[in-house]
C-alpha atoms as a PDB file:
ATOM      1  CA  UNK A   1     114.960 147.850 201.851  1.00  0.00           C
ATOM      2  CA  UNK A   2     116.479 144.396 202.931  1.00  0.00           C
ATOM      3  CA  UNK A   3     113.863 141.882 203.557  1.00  0.00           C
ATOM      4  CA  UNK A   4     114.475 139.485 206.292  1.00  0.00           C
ATOM      5  CA  UNK A   5     115.793 136.091 205.115  1.00  0.00           C
ATOM      6  CA  UNK A   6     116.163 133.338 207.910  1.00  0.00           C
ATOM      7  CA  UNK A   7     119.757 131.918 207.659  1.00  0.00           C
ATOM      8  CA  UNK A   8     120.696 133.832 204.431  1.00  0.00           C
ATOM      9  CA  UNK A   9     124.268 132.697 204.441  1.00  0.00           C
ATOM     10  CA  UNK A  10     123.707 129.202 206.244  1.00  0.00           C
ATOM     11  CA  UNK A  11     126.201 130.053 209.048  1.00  0.00           C
ATOM     12  CA  UNK A  12     123.744 127.953 211.313  1.00  0.00           C
ATOM     13  CA  UNK A  13     124.333 125.016 212.476  1.00  0.00           C
ATOM     14  CA  UNK A  14     128.004 125.827 214.037  1.00  0.00           C
ATOM     15  CA  UNK A  15     129.715 122.665 212.043  1.00  0.00           C
ATOM     16  CA  UNK A  16     133.397 121.637 212.127  1.00  0.00           C
ATOM     17  CA  UNK A  17     135.930 122.902 209.499  1.00  0.00           C
ATOM     18  CA  UNK A  18     135.926 120.469 206.239  1.00  0.00           C
ATOM     19  CA  UNK A  19     132.569 118.598 207.352  1.00  0.00           C
ATOM     20  CA  UNK A  20     129.022 118.714 206.503  1.00  0.00           C
ATOM     21  CA  UNK A  21     125.798 118.853 208.582  1.00  0.00           C
ATOM     22  CA  UNK A  22     123.123 116.644 206.283  1.00  0.00           C
ATOM     23  CA  UNK A  23     119.587 117.831 206.323  1.00  0.00           C
ATOM     24  CA  UNK A  24     120.048 120.713 208.495  1.00  0.00           C
ATOM     25  CA  UNK A  25     119.478 124.227 207.212  1.00  0.00           C
ATOM     26  CA  UNK A  26     117.523 125.721 209.998  1.00  0.00           C
ATOM     27  CA  UNK A  27     115.004 128.207 208.514  1.00  0.00           C
ATOM     28  CA  UNK A  28     114.822 126.500 205.152  1.00  0.00           C
ATOM     29  CA  UNK A  29     112.461 123.692 204.736  1.00  0.00           C
ATOM     30  CA  UNK A  30     112.990 120.687 201.882  1.00  0.00           C
ATOM     31  CA  UNK A  31     111.169 120.868 198.733  1.00  0.00           C
ATOM     32  CA  UNK A  32     111.081 117.458 197.344  1.00  0.00           C
ATOM     33  CA  UNK A  33     107.819 116.908 195.294  1.00  0.00           C
ATOM     34  CA  UNK A  34     109.063 113.843 193.582  1.00  0.00           C
ATOM     35  CA  UNK A  35     110.180 112.149 196.410  1.00  0.00           C
ATOM     36  CA  UNK A  36     113.771 112.500 194.744  1.00  0.00           C
ATOM     37  CA  UNK A  37     115.736 112.490 198.512  1.00  0.00           C
ATOM     38  CA  UNK A  38     113.975 109.019 199.695  1.00  0.00           C
ATOM     39  CA  UNK A  39     116.897 107.542 202.226  1.00  0.00           C
ATOM     40  CA  UNK A  40     118.051 105.015 199.543  1.00  0.00           C
ATOM     41  CA  UNK A  41     120.916 106.771 198.639  1.00  0.00           C
ATOM     42  CA  UNK A  42     123.170 109.967 199.509  1.00  0.00           C
ATOM     43  CA  UNK A  43     120.761 112.628 197.926  1.00  0.00           C
ATOM     44  CA  UNK A  44     120.289 115.113 200.508  1.00  0.00           C
ATOM     45  CA  UNK A  45     120.628 118.817 201.223  1.00  0.00           C
ATOM     46  CA  UNK A  46     123.619 119.580 203.448  1.00  0.00           C
ATOM     47  CA  UNK A  47     125.207 122.605 205.126  1.00  0.00           C
ATOM     48  CA  UNK A  48     129.219 122.333 204.719  1.00  0.00           C
ATOM     49  CA  UNK A  49     132.076 124.510 206.140  1.00  0.00           C
ATOM     50  CA  UNK A  50     134.728 124.995 203.276  1.00  0.00           C
ATOM     51  CA  UNK A  51     138.364 125.034 205.246  1.00  0.00           C
ATOM     52  CA  UNK A  52     141.352 123.792 203.879  1.00  0.00           C
ATOM     53  CA  UNK A  53     140.758 120.355 202.651  1.00  0.00           C
ATOM     54  CA  UNK A  54     137.156 121.234 200.963  1.00  0.00           C
ATOM     55  CA  UNK A  55     139.171 124.420 199.327  1.00  0.00           C
ATOM     56  CA  UNK A  56     141.481 122.068 198.069  1.00  0.00           C
ATOM     57  CA  UNK A  57     138.866 119.687 196.615  1.00  0.00           C
ATOM     58  CA  UNK A  58     136.235 121.841 195.493  1.00  0.00           C
ATOM     59  CA  UNK A  59     136.396 125.432 195.950  1.00  0.00           C
ATOM     60  CA  UNK A  60     140.010 127.224 195.989  1.00  0.00           C
ATOM     61  CA  UNK A  61     138.913 130.686 196.871  1.00  0.00           C
ATOM     62  CA  UNK A  62     136.551 129.348 199.316  1.00  0.00           C
ATOM     63  CA  UNK A  63     133.014 130.326 199.752  1.00  0.00           C
ATOM     64  CA  UNK A  64     131.784 133.956 199.690  1.00  0.00           C
ATOM     65  CA  UNK A  65     130.142 134.274 202.878  1.00  0.00           C
ATOM     66  CA  UNK A  66     130.812 133.495 206.217  1.00  0.00           C
ATOM     67  CA  UNK A  67     132.456 129.977 206.092  1.00  0.00           C
ATOM     68  CA  UNK A  68     129.146 128.061 205.385  1.00  0.00           C
ATOM     69  CA  UNK A  69     127.011 127.270 201.982  1.00  0.00           C
ATOM     70  CA  UNK A  70     124.909 124.997 201.261  1.00  0.00           C
ATOM     71  CA  UNK A  71     124.486 121.727 198.807  1.00  0.00           C
ATOM     72  CA  UNK A  72     121.767 120.205 197.282  1.00  0.00           C
ATOM     73  CA  UNK A  73     123.264 116.724 196.510  1.00  0.00           C
ATOM     74  CA  UNK A  74     121.552 114.310 194.096  1.00  0.00           C
ATOM     75  CA  UNK A  75     122.700 111.269 192.993  1.00  0.00           C
ATOM     76  CA  UNK A  76     119.704 110.188 190.791  1.00  0.00           C
ATOM     77  CA  UNK A  77     120.105 110.167 186.994  1.00  0.00           C
ATOM     78  CA  UNK A  78     119.049 113.451 185.315  1.00  0.00           C
ATOM     79  CA  UNK A  79     115.257 113.516 184.983  1.00  0.00           C
ATOM     80  CA  UNK A  80     114.407 111.772 188.049  1.00  0.00           C
ATOM     81  CA  UNK A  81     112.755 115.389 189.356  1.00  0.00           C
ATOM     82  CA  UNK A  82     113.394 118.463 191.479  1.00  0.00           C
ATOM     83  CA  UNK A  83     114.888 118.931 194.886  1.00  0.00           C
ATOM     84  CA  UNK A  84     115.443 122.564 196.468  1.00  0.00           C
ATOM     85  CA  UNK A  85     115.168 124.438 199.614  1.00  0.00           C
ATOM     86  CA  UNK A  86     112.288 127.100 200.330  1.00  0.00           C
ATOM     87  CA  UNK A  87     111.626 129.406 202.697  1.00  0.00           C
ATOM     88  CA  UNK A  88     108.391 131.601 202.996  1.00  0.00           C
ATOM     89  CA  UNK A  89     108.510 135.015 204.465  1.00  0.00           C
ATOM     90  CA  UNK A  90     105.571 135.294 206.073  1.00  0.00           C
ATOM     91  CA  UNK A  91     105.620 138.901 207.072  1.00  0.00           C
ATOM     92  CA  UNK A  92     106.963 139.952 203.868  1.00  0.00           C
ATOM     93  CA  UNK A  93     103.713 140.299 201.522  1.00  0.00           C
ATOM     94  CA  UNK A  94     103.985 141.124 197.779  1.00  0.00           C
ATOM     95  CA  UNK A  95     103.070 144.803 197.304  1.00  0.00           C
ATOM     96  CA  UNK A  96     102.028 146.799 194.212  1.00  0.00           C
ATOM     97  CA  UNK A  97     104.509 149.509 192.705  1.00  0.00           C
ATOM     98  CA  UNK A  98     107.590 147.532 194.045  1.00  0.00           C
ATOM     99  CA  UNK A  99     111.145 146.552 192.305  1.00  0.00           C
ATOM    100  CA  UNK A 100     112.163 143.235 193.929  1.00  0.00           C
ATOM    101  CA  UNK A 101     115.898 142.053 193.512  1.00  0.00           C
ATOM    102  CA  UNK A 102     117.277 139.125 194.117  1.00  0.00           C
ATOM    103  CA  UNK A 103     120.771 138.563 194.891  1.00  0.00           C
ATOM    104  CA  UNK A 104     122.609 135.021 195.646  1.00  0.00           C
ATOM    105  CA  UNK A 105     125.893 133.471 194.875  1.00  0.00           C
ATOM    106  CA  UNK A 106     125.833 130.159 192.816  1.00  0.00           C
ATOM    107  CA  UNK A 107     128.426 127.902 193.364  1.00  0.00           C
ATOM    108  CA  UNK A 108     129.991 124.930 190.935  1.00  0.00           C
ATOM    109  CA  UNK A 109     131.843 122.435 192.752  1.00  0.00           C
ATOM    110  CA  UNK A 110     135.180 121.438 191.087  1.00  0.00           C
ATOM    111  CA  UNK A 111     135.520 118.198 189.792  1.00  0.00           C
ATOM    112  CA  UNK A 112     137.446 115.760 191.659  1.00  0.00           C
ATOM    113  CA  UNK A 113     139.433 112.426 191.076  1.00  0.00           C
ATOM    114  CA  UNK A 114     138.338 111.559 194.628  1.00  0.00           C
ATOM    115  CA  UNK A 115     134.843 112.242 193.604  1.00  0.00           C
ATOM    116  CA  UNK A 116     134.702 111.565 189.987  1.00  0.00           C
ATOM    117  CA  UNK A 117     131.019 111.653 190.006  1.00  0.00           C
ATOM    118  CA  UNK A 118     130.556 115.049 190.983  1.00  0.00           C
ATOM    119  CA  UNK A 119     131.656 116.506 187.774  1.00  0.00           C
ATOM    120  CA  UNK A 120     128.917 118.043 185.868  1.00  0.00           C
ATOM    121  CA  UNK A 121     126.254 121.007 187.080  1.00  0.00           C
ATOM    122  CA  UNK A 122     122.871 119.380 186.903  1.00  0.00           C
ATOM    123  CA  UNK A 123     121.119 122.303 186.252  1.00  0.00           C
ATOM    124  CA  UNK A 124     119.381 124.987 188.853  1.00  0.00           C
ATOM    125  CA  UNK A 125     116.718 127.413 188.930  1.00  0.00           C
ATOM    126  CA  UNK A 126     116.059 130.336 191.779  1.00  0.00           C
ATOM    127  CA  UNK A 127     112.500 131.156 192.382  1.00  0.00           C
ATOM    128  CA  UNK A 128     110.401 134.117 193.667  1.00  0.00           C
ATOM    129  CA  UNK A 129     106.955 132.989 194.537  1.00  0.00           C
ATOM    130  CA  UNK A 130     104.116 135.147 196.026  1.00  0.00           C
ATOM    131  CA  UNK A 131     101.201 132.664 197.093  1.00  0.00           C
ATOM    132  CA  UNK A 132     100.979 129.741 194.637  1.00  0.00           C
ATOM    133  CA  UNK A 133     102.480 131.673 191.830  1.00  0.00           C
ATOM    134  CA  UNK A 134     106.209 132.111 190.475  1.00  0.00           C
ATOM    135  CA  UNK A 135     106.550 135.482 189.790  1.00  0.00           C
ATOM    136  CA  UNK A 136     109.844 135.726 188.712  1.00  0.00           C
ATOM    137  CA  UNK A 137     112.883 133.534 188.367  1.00  0.00           C
ATOM    138  CA  UNK A 138     116.458 132.607 186.891  1.00  0.00           C
ATOM    139  CA  UNK A 139     116.842 129.119 185.295  1.00  0.00           C
ATOM    140  CA  UNK A 140     120.675 127.776 184.207  1.00  0.00           C
ATOM    141  CA  UNK A 141     121.806 131.356 183.856  1.00  0.00           C
ATOM    142  CA  UNK A 142     125.161 132.116 184.430  1.00  0.00           C
ATOM    143  CA  UNK A 143     126.604 128.704 185.456  1.00  0.00           C
ATOM    144  CA  UNK A 144     130.158 129.469 187.007  1.00  0.00           C
ATOM    145  CA  UNK A 145     133.236 127.745 185.938  1.00  0.00           C
ATOM    146  CA  UNK A 146     134.157 124.733 188.083  1.00  0.00           C
ATOM    147  CA  UNK A 147     135.519 125.286 191.130  1.00  0.00           C
ATOM    148  CA  UNK A 148     133.888 128.708 191.854  1.00  0.00           C
ATOM    149  CA  UNK A 149     131.075 130.845 193.415  1.00  0.00           C
ATOM    150  CA  UNK A 150     129.599 133.685 191.034  1.00  0.00           C
ATOM    151  CA  UNK A 151     127.268 136.090 192.404  1.00  0.00           C
ATOM    152  CA  UNK A 152     124.062 136.106 190.299  1.00  0.00           C
ATOM    153  CA  UNK A 153     120.884 138.301 190.510  1.00  0.00           C
ATOM    154  CA  UNK A 154     117.438 138.686 188.584  1.00  0.00           C
ATOM    155  CA  UNK A 155     114.650 141.336 189.327  1.00  0.00           C
ATOM    156  CA  UNK A 156     110.944 141.713 189.141  1.00  0.00           C
ATOM    157  CA  UNK A 157     108.970 144.787 189.017  1.00  0.00           C
ATOM    158  CA  UNK A 158     105.514 144.999 190.011  1.00  0.00           C
ATOM    159  CA  UNK A 159     102.396 146.645 188.270  1.00  0.00           C
ATOM    160  CA  UNK A 160      99.900 148.867 190.363  1.00  0.00           C
ATOM    161  CA  UNK A 161      97.638 145.971 190.644  1.00  0.00           C
ATOM    162  CA  UNK A 162      99.429 142.859 190.566  1.00  0.00           C
ATOM    163  CA  UNK A 163      98.112 139.275 190.761  1.00  0.00           C
ATOM    164  CA  UNK A 164      98.596 137.490 194.297  1.00  0.00           C
ATOM    165  CA  UNK A 165      98.865 141.272 196.047  1.00  0.00           C
ATOM    166  CA  UNK A 166      99.284 140.614 199.843  1.00  0.00           C
ATOM    167  CA  UNK A 167     100.675 137.026 199.369  1.00  0.00           C
ATOM    168  CA  UNK A 168     103.389 135.955 201.465  1.00  0.00           C
ATOM    169  CA  UNK A 169     106.762 136.029 199.350  1.00  0.00           C
ATOM    170  CA  UNK A 170     108.872 132.737 199.206  1.00  0.00           C
ATOM    171  CA  UNK A 171     112.277 131.673 198.145  1.00  0.00           C
ATOM    172  CA  UNK A 172     113.141 128.170 196.469  1.00  0.00           C
ATOM    173  CA  UNK A 173     116.953 127.297 195.523  1.00  0.00           C
ATOM    174  CA  UNK A 174     116.307 124.136 192.877  1.00  0.00           C
ATOM    175  CA  UNK A 175     118.588 121.826 191.807  1.00  0.00           C
ATOM    176  CA  UNK A 176     116.705 120.636 188.555  1.00  0.00           C
ATOM    177  CA  UNK A 177     118.628 117.189 187.849  1.00  0.00           C
ATOM    178  CA  UNK A 178     118.313 118.040 183.967  1.00  0.00           C
ATOM    179  CA  UNK A 179     122.079 117.384 182.958  1.00  0.00           C
ATOM    180  CA  UNK A 180     124.597 114.934 184.412  1.00  0.00           C
ATOM    181  CA  UNK A 181     126.111 115.834 187.736  1.00  0.00           C
ATOM    182  CA  UNK A 182     125.080 115.734 191.224  1.00  0.00           C
ATOM    183  CA  UNK A 183     125.670 118.961 193.258  1.00  0.00           C
ATOM    184  CA  UNK A 184     124.140 122.686 193.222  1.00  0.00           C
ATOM    185  CA  UNK A 185     125.735 125.204 195.859  1.00  0.00           C
ATOM    186  CA  UNK A 186     124.031 128.226 197.210  1.00  0.00           C
ATOM    187  CA  UNK A 187     125.186 131.177 199.555  1.00  0.00           C
ATOM    188  CA  UNK A 188     124.802 134.586 200.425  1.00  0.00           C
ATOM    189  CA  UNK A 189     120.794 134.853 199.753  1.00  0.00           C
ATOM    190  CA  UNK A 190     119.529 138.576 199.581  1.00  0.00           C
ATOM    191  CA  UNK A 191     116.344 140.181 198.524  1.00  0.00           C
ATOM    192  CA  UNK A 192     115.782 143.881 198.524  1.00  0.00           C
ATOM    193  CA  UNK A 193     111.976 145.782 197.833  1.00  0.00           C
ATOM    194  CA  UNK A 194     112.134 149.016 196.186  1.00  0.00           C
ATOM    195  CA  UNK A 195     109.218 151.463 195.510  1.00  0.00           C
ATOM    196  CA  UNK A 196     108.843 152.148 191.711  1.00  0.00           C
ATOM    197  CA  UNK A 197     108.747 155.725 190.884  1.00  0.00           C
ATOM    198  CA  UNK A 198     105.821 157.292 188.893  1.00  0.00           C
ATOM    199  CA  UNK A 199     105.721 157.576 185.223  1.00  0.00           C
ATOM    200  CA  UNK A 200     108.371 154.670 184.857  1.00  0.00           C
ATOM    201  CA  UNK A 201     111.163 157.171 186.306  1.00  0.00           C
ATOM    202  CA  UNK A 202     114.138 155.706 185.497  1.00  0.00           C
ATOM    203  CA  UNK A 203     116.451 158.748 185.339  1.00  0.00           C
ATOM    204  CA  UNK A 204     114.985 159.630 188.660  1.00  0.00           C
ATOM    205  CA  UNK A 205     115.413 156.000 190.357  1.00  0.00           C
ATOM    206  CA  UNK A 206     118.984 156.440 189.102  1.00  0.00           C
ATOM    207  CA  UNK A 207     121.850 157.663 191.397  1.00  0.00           C
ATOM    208  CA  UNK A 208     124.030 158.408 188.852  1.00  0.00           C
ATOM    209  CA  UNK A 209     125.636 161.987 188.277  1.00  0.00           C
ATOM    210  CA  UNK A 210     123.668 164.031 186.015  1.00  0.00           C
ATOM    211  CA  UNK A 211     125.063 163.817 182.685  1.00  0.00           C
ATOM    212  CA  UNK A 212     127.598 161.119 183.165  1.00  0.00           C
ATOM    213  CA  UNK A 213     125.499 158.224 181.285  1.00  0.00           C
ATOM    214  CA  UNK A 214     125.988 157.626 177.739  1.00  0.00           C
ATOM    215  CA  UNK A 215     123.449 155.544 176.326  1.00  0.00           C
ATOM    216  CA  UNK A 216     125.438 155.017 172.820  1.00  0.00           C
ATOM    217  CA  UNK A 217     128.847 153.964 174.855  1.00  0.00           C
ATOM    218  CA  UNK A 218     126.872 151.608 177.469  1.00  0.00           C
ATOM    219  CA  UNK A 219     124.985 149.895 174.327  1.00  0.00           C
ATOM    220  CA  UNK A 220     128.332 149.623 172.641  1.00  0.00           C
ATOM    221  CA  UNK A 221     130.169 148.204 175.113  1.00  0.00           C
ATOM    222  CA  UNK A 222     127.379 145.740 176.018  1.00  0.00           C
ATOM    223  CA  UNK A 223     126.129 143.989 172.962  1.00  0.00           C
ATOM    224  CA  UNK A 224     123.526 141.901 174.998  1.00  0.00           C
ATOM    225  CA  UNK A 225     121.626 144.845 176.052  1.00  0.00           C
ATOM    226  CA  UNK A 226     121.735 146.574 172.838  1.00  0.00           C
ATOM    227  CA  UNK A 227     119.944 142.905 171.494  1.00  0.00           C
ATOM    228  CA  UNK A 228     117.219 143.238 174.173  1.00  0.00           C
ATOM    229  CA  UNK A 229     116.616 146.963 173.490  1.00  0.00           C
ATOM    230  CA  UNK A 230     116.581 146.462 169.731  1.00  0.00           C
ATOM    231  CA  UNK A 231     114.158 143.349 170.305  1.00  0.00           C
ATOM    232  CA  UNK A 232     112.066 145.888 172.646  1.00  0.00           C
ATOM    233  CA  UNK A 233     112.773 143.904 175.850  1.00  0.00           C
ATOM    234  CA  UNK A 234     114.010 147.006 177.298  1.00  0.00           C
ATOM    235  CA  UNK A 235     113.178 150.345 176.918  1.00  0.00           C
ATOM    236  CA  UNK A 236     116.675 151.833 176.919  1.00  0.00           C
ATOM    237  CA  UNK A 237     120.392 151.110 178.518  1.00  0.00           C
ATOM    238  CA  UNK A 238     119.779 153.657 181.160  1.00  0.00           C
ATOM    239  CA  UNK A 239     116.839 151.304 182.431  1.00  0.00           C
ATOM    240  CA  UNK A 240     118.970 148.257 182.368  1.00  0.00           C
ATOM    241  CA  UNK A 241     121.770 149.700 184.342  1.00  0.00           C
ATOM    242  CA  UNK A 242     119.431 151.398 186.846  1.00  0.00           C
ATOM    243  CA  UNK A 243     117.790 147.989 187.441  1.00  0.00           C
ATOM    244  CA  UNK A 244     120.664 145.793 187.034  1.00  0.00           C
ATOM    245  CA  UNK A 245     123.722 146.534 185.164  1.00  0.00           C
ATOM    246  CA  UNK A 246     124.808 148.788 188.270  1.00  0.00           C
ATOM    247  CA  UNK A 247     125.037 145.625 190.471  1.00  0.00           C
ATOM    248  CA  UNK A 248     126.443 143.427 187.744  1.00  0.00           C
ATOM    249  CA  UNK A 249     129.865 145.179 187.490  1.00  0.00           C
ATOM    250  CA  UNK A 250     128.769 146.981 184.033  1.00  0.00           C
ATOM    251  CA  UNK A 251     131.456 150.041 184.172  1.00  0.00           C
ATOM    252  CA  UNK A 252     131.294 151.050 180.702  1.00  0.00           C
ATOM    253  CA  UNK A 253     129.058 154.225 181.247  1.00  0.00           C
ATOM    254  CA  UNK A 254     130.799 156.876 179.910  1.00  0.00           C
ATOM    255  CA  UNK A 255     134.017 158.036 178.268  1.00  0.00           C
ATOM    256  CA  UNK A 256     134.520 159.980 181.403  1.00  0.00           C
ATOM    257  CA  UNK A 257     134.321 157.327 184.047  1.00  0.00           C
ATOM    258  CA  UNK A 258     137.272 154.926 184.036  1.00  0.00           C
ATOM    259  CA  UNK A 259     136.942 151.647 186.234  1.00  0.00           C
ATOM    260  CA  UNK A 260     140.746 150.832 186.430  1.00  0.00           C
ATOM    261  CA  UNK A 261     141.530 154.461 187.326  1.00  0.00           C
ATOM    262  CA  UNK A 262     139.116 154.862 190.011  1.00  0.00           C
ATOM    263  CA  UNK A 263     140.287 151.714 191.956  1.00  0.00           C
ATOM    264  CA  UNK A 264     144.125 152.342 191.399  1.00  0.00           C
ATOM    265  CA  UNK A 265     143.006 156.079 192.953  1.00  0.00           C
ATOM    266  CA  UNK A 266     140.806 155.038 196.006  1.00  0.00           C
ATOM    267  CA  UNK A 267     142.453 152.254 197.489  1.00  0.00           C
ATOM    268  CA  UNK A 268     139.780 151.852 200.146  1.00  0.00           C
ATOM    269  CA  UNK A 269     137.446 151.328 197.278  1.00  0.00           C
ATOM    270  CA  UNK A 270     139.301 148.530 195.619  1.00  0.00           C
ATOM    271  CA  UNK A 271     139.523 146.898 199.035  1.00  0.00           C
ATOM    272  CA  UNK A 272     135.917 147.002 199.505  1.00  0.00           C
ATOM    273  CA  UNK A 273     135.091 145.654 196.198  1.00  0.00           C
ATOM    274  CA  UNK A 274     137.818 142.808 196.485  1.00  0.00           C
ATOM    275  CA  UNK A 275     135.625 141.924 199.672  1.00  0.00           C
ATOM    276  CA  UNK A 276     132.543 141.802 197.657  1.00  0.00           C
ATOM    277  CA  UNK A 277     131.038 145.240 199.608  1.00  0.00           C
ATOM    278  CA  UNK A 278     130.561 146.761 196.008  1.00  0.00           C
ATOM    279  CA  UNK A 279     130.071 145.110 192.493  1.00  0.00           C
ATOM    280  CA  UNK A 280     132.655 147.835 191.231  1.00  0.00           C
ATOM    281  CA  UNK A 281     134.393 151.237 191.760  1.00  0.00           C
ATOM    282  CA  UNK A 282     131.324 152.650 189.449  1.00  0.00           C
ATOM    283  CA  UNK A 283     128.758 151.368 192.022  1.00  0.00           C
ATOM    284  CA  UNK A 284     130.815 153.091 195.192  1.00  0.00           C
ATOM    285  CA  UNK A 285     130.865 156.106 192.833  1.00  0.00           C
ATOM    286  CA  UNK A 286     127.192 156.011 192.232  1.00  0.00           C
ATOM    287  CA  UNK A 287     126.206 155.408 195.871  1.00  0.00           C
ATOM    288  CA  UNK A 288     128.600 157.450 197.584  1.00  0.00           C
ATOM    289  CA  UNK A 289     131.778 158.343 195.726  1.00  0.00           C
ATOM    290  CA  UNK A 290     130.364 161.094 193.599  1.00  0.00           C
ATOM    291  CA  UNK A 291     128.521 162.796 196.361  1.00  0.00           C
ATOM    292  CA  UNK A 292     131.894 162.734 198.451  1.00  0.00           C
ATOM    293  CA  UNK A 293     133.640 164.655 195.815  1.00  0.00           C
ATOM    294  CA  UNK A 294     135.738 161.872 194.232  1.00  0.00           C
ATOM    295  CA  UNK A 295     137.027 161.848 190.932  1.00  0.00           C
ATOM    296  CA  UNK A 296     135.733 159.208 188.485  1.00  0.00           C
ATOM    297  CA  UNK A 297     137.569 160.059 185.185  1.00  0.00           C
ATOM    298  CA  UNK A 298     140.624 158.153 183.817  1.00  0.00           C
ATOM    299  CA  UNK A 299     144.460 159.925 184.104  1.00  0.00           C
ATOM    300  CA  UNK A 300     145.173 158.632 187.928  1.00  0.00           C
ATOM    301  CA  UNK A 301     148.196 161.099 187.967  1.00  0.00           C
ATOM    302  CA  UNK A 302     147.821 164.910 188.819  1.00  0.00           C
ATOM    303  CA  UNK A 303     144.091 164.543 189.208  1.00  0.00           C
ATOM    304  CA  UNK A 304     144.132 167.373 191.223  1.00  0.00           C
ATOM    305  CA  UNK A 305     146.330 169.687 188.972  1.00  0.00           C
ATOM    306  CA  UNK A 306     143.522 168.757 186.103  1.00  0.00           C
ATOM    307  CA  UNK A 307     140.660 170.071 188.203  1.00  0.00           C
ATOM    308  CA  UNK A 308     142.969 173.247 189.291  1.00  0.00           C
ATOM    309  CA  UNK A 309     143.550 173.954 185.420  1.00  0.00           C
ATOM    310  CA  UNK A 310     139.930 173.645 184.208  1.00  0.00           C
ATOM    311  CA  UNK A 311     138.901 175.995 187.298  1.00  0.00           C
ATOM    312  CA  UNK A 312     141.610 178.366 185.895  1.00  0.00           C
ATOM    313  CA  UNK A 313     140.412 178.136 182.245  1.00  0.00           C
ATOM    314  CA  UNK A 314     137.142 178.865 183.503  1.00  0.00           C
ATOM    315  CA  UNK A 315     136.142 181.172 186.142  1.00  0.00           C
ATOM    316  CA  UNK A 316     132.772 181.033 186.079  1.00  0.00           C
ATOM    317  CA  UNK A 317     132.984 177.372 187.205  1.00  0.00           C
ATOM    318  CA  UNK A 318     135.257 178.319 189.764  1.00  0.00           C
ATOM    319  CA  UNK A 319     132.814 180.319 191.224  1.00  0.00           C
ATOM    320  CA  UNK A 320     129.707 177.906 190.979  1.00  0.00           C
ATOM    321  CA  UNK A 321     132.009 175.512 192.581  1.00  0.00           C
ATOM    322  CA  UNK A 322     132.925 178.085 195.460  1.00  0.00           C
ATOM    323  CA  UNK A 323     129.502 178.573 195.594  1.00  0.00           C
ATOM    324  CA  UNK A 324     128.596 174.792 195.868  1.00  0.00           C
ATOM    325  CA  UNK A 325     126.583 174.879 192.877  1.00  0.00           C
ATOM    326  CA  UNK A 326     128.650 172.200 191.629  1.00  0.00           C
ATOM    327  CA  UNK A 327     130.782 169.684 193.849  1.00  0.00           C
ATOM    328  CA  UNK A 328     134.206 170.051 191.495  1.00  0.00           C
ATOM    329  CA  UNK A 329     135.563 170.957 188.335  1.00  0.00           C
ATOM    330  CA  UNK A 330     134.874 167.397 187.179  1.00  0.00           C
ATOM    331  CA  UNK A 331     131.143 167.958 188.124  1.00  0.00           C
ATOM    332  CA  UNK A 332     130.664 170.835 186.022  1.00  0.00           C
ATOM    333  CA  UNK A 333     132.400 168.980 183.437  1.00  0.00           C
ATOM    334  CA  UNK A 334     130.400 165.857 182.748  1.00  0.00           C
ATOM    335  CA  UNK A 335     127.432 167.777 183.398  1.00  0.00           C
ATOM    336  CA  UNK A 336     128.151 170.968 181.103  1.00  0.00           C
ATOM    337  CA  UNK A 337     131.587 171.282 179.917  1.00  0.00           C
ATOM    338  CA  UNK A 338     131.837 168.390 177.591  1.00  0.00           C
ATOM    339  CA  UNK A 339     128.434 169.726 175.829  1.00  0.00           C
ATOM    340  CA  UNK A 340     129.891 173.201 175.979  1.00  0.00           C
ATOM    341  CA  UNK A 341     133.268 172.340 174.088  1.00  0.00           C
ATOM    342  CA  UNK A 342     135.523 173.243 177.408  1.00  0.00           C
ATOM    343  CA  UNK A 343     138.173 170.316 177.805  1.00  0.00           C
ATOM    344  CA  UNK A 344     139.603 168.797 180.870  1.00  0.00           C
END
């Protein structure tokens, strides 16, 4: 379930291209506990419209959602304090047994000869709060390359009786002013809430086709996750994939799914990935493609011939597909055929 955030893409106010609206971010309030924004210099928050000039100077690829993004711009020296934007979701209360997934786009403005002091990145944090407590946050994780916005996310799963249950949720977007640099930019803020299945239930939460996920293959191709599993921070690669990996563009889940082939085969999906509707072809496949009978493995040529040949070699499977027990030859193969010694 997507939770309501006021002005999540900072498209209000309507401003002229390549201009800024200083201290105008409807729906959001200034968080300024150290009085860093004091009116004595250019420190401020601002909504900006990235058109031709701003693209040339700061973001060659533009901003990820709409025309606007928000900047938290501080010209004080590092260590002067923290400034941010905050929004309390008054009607959204912290619930037990729920996974909250927070997504946002983080921007790192490109250095410019016209604005030399902007170079650098002062550090950022994004917090999810309940009542007076920070329940989840990300700090300086995955700082984007200069001149780009990059999707970021983190998750928080509550227990059956979490502290601050029933308290309103609050979002904070922060410029930490820890390092040389002045500007931190944000866009496209989203918060989702989904109930946790009993008994941990990561297999139940997953929409992955049965038999597709290969734990060893996933960990081999994602050594950071393998390290987290080895350290006991995650119970399995599957846990990570269900909660984060599917949205992070991690596509090496099996020898029998190939991202490049899937996107080449289905140009509509490739277009949706390009626009940001899906983080990867695999996310589309998990959410929709498998259930639509799309084919996820490699070998883009002769796909239909390969499936037909599999059914011709395996009359029992052909009957199962006819009866609707399996969606396709590929569906049977990833669930059973590969383990039964059949070849595709």
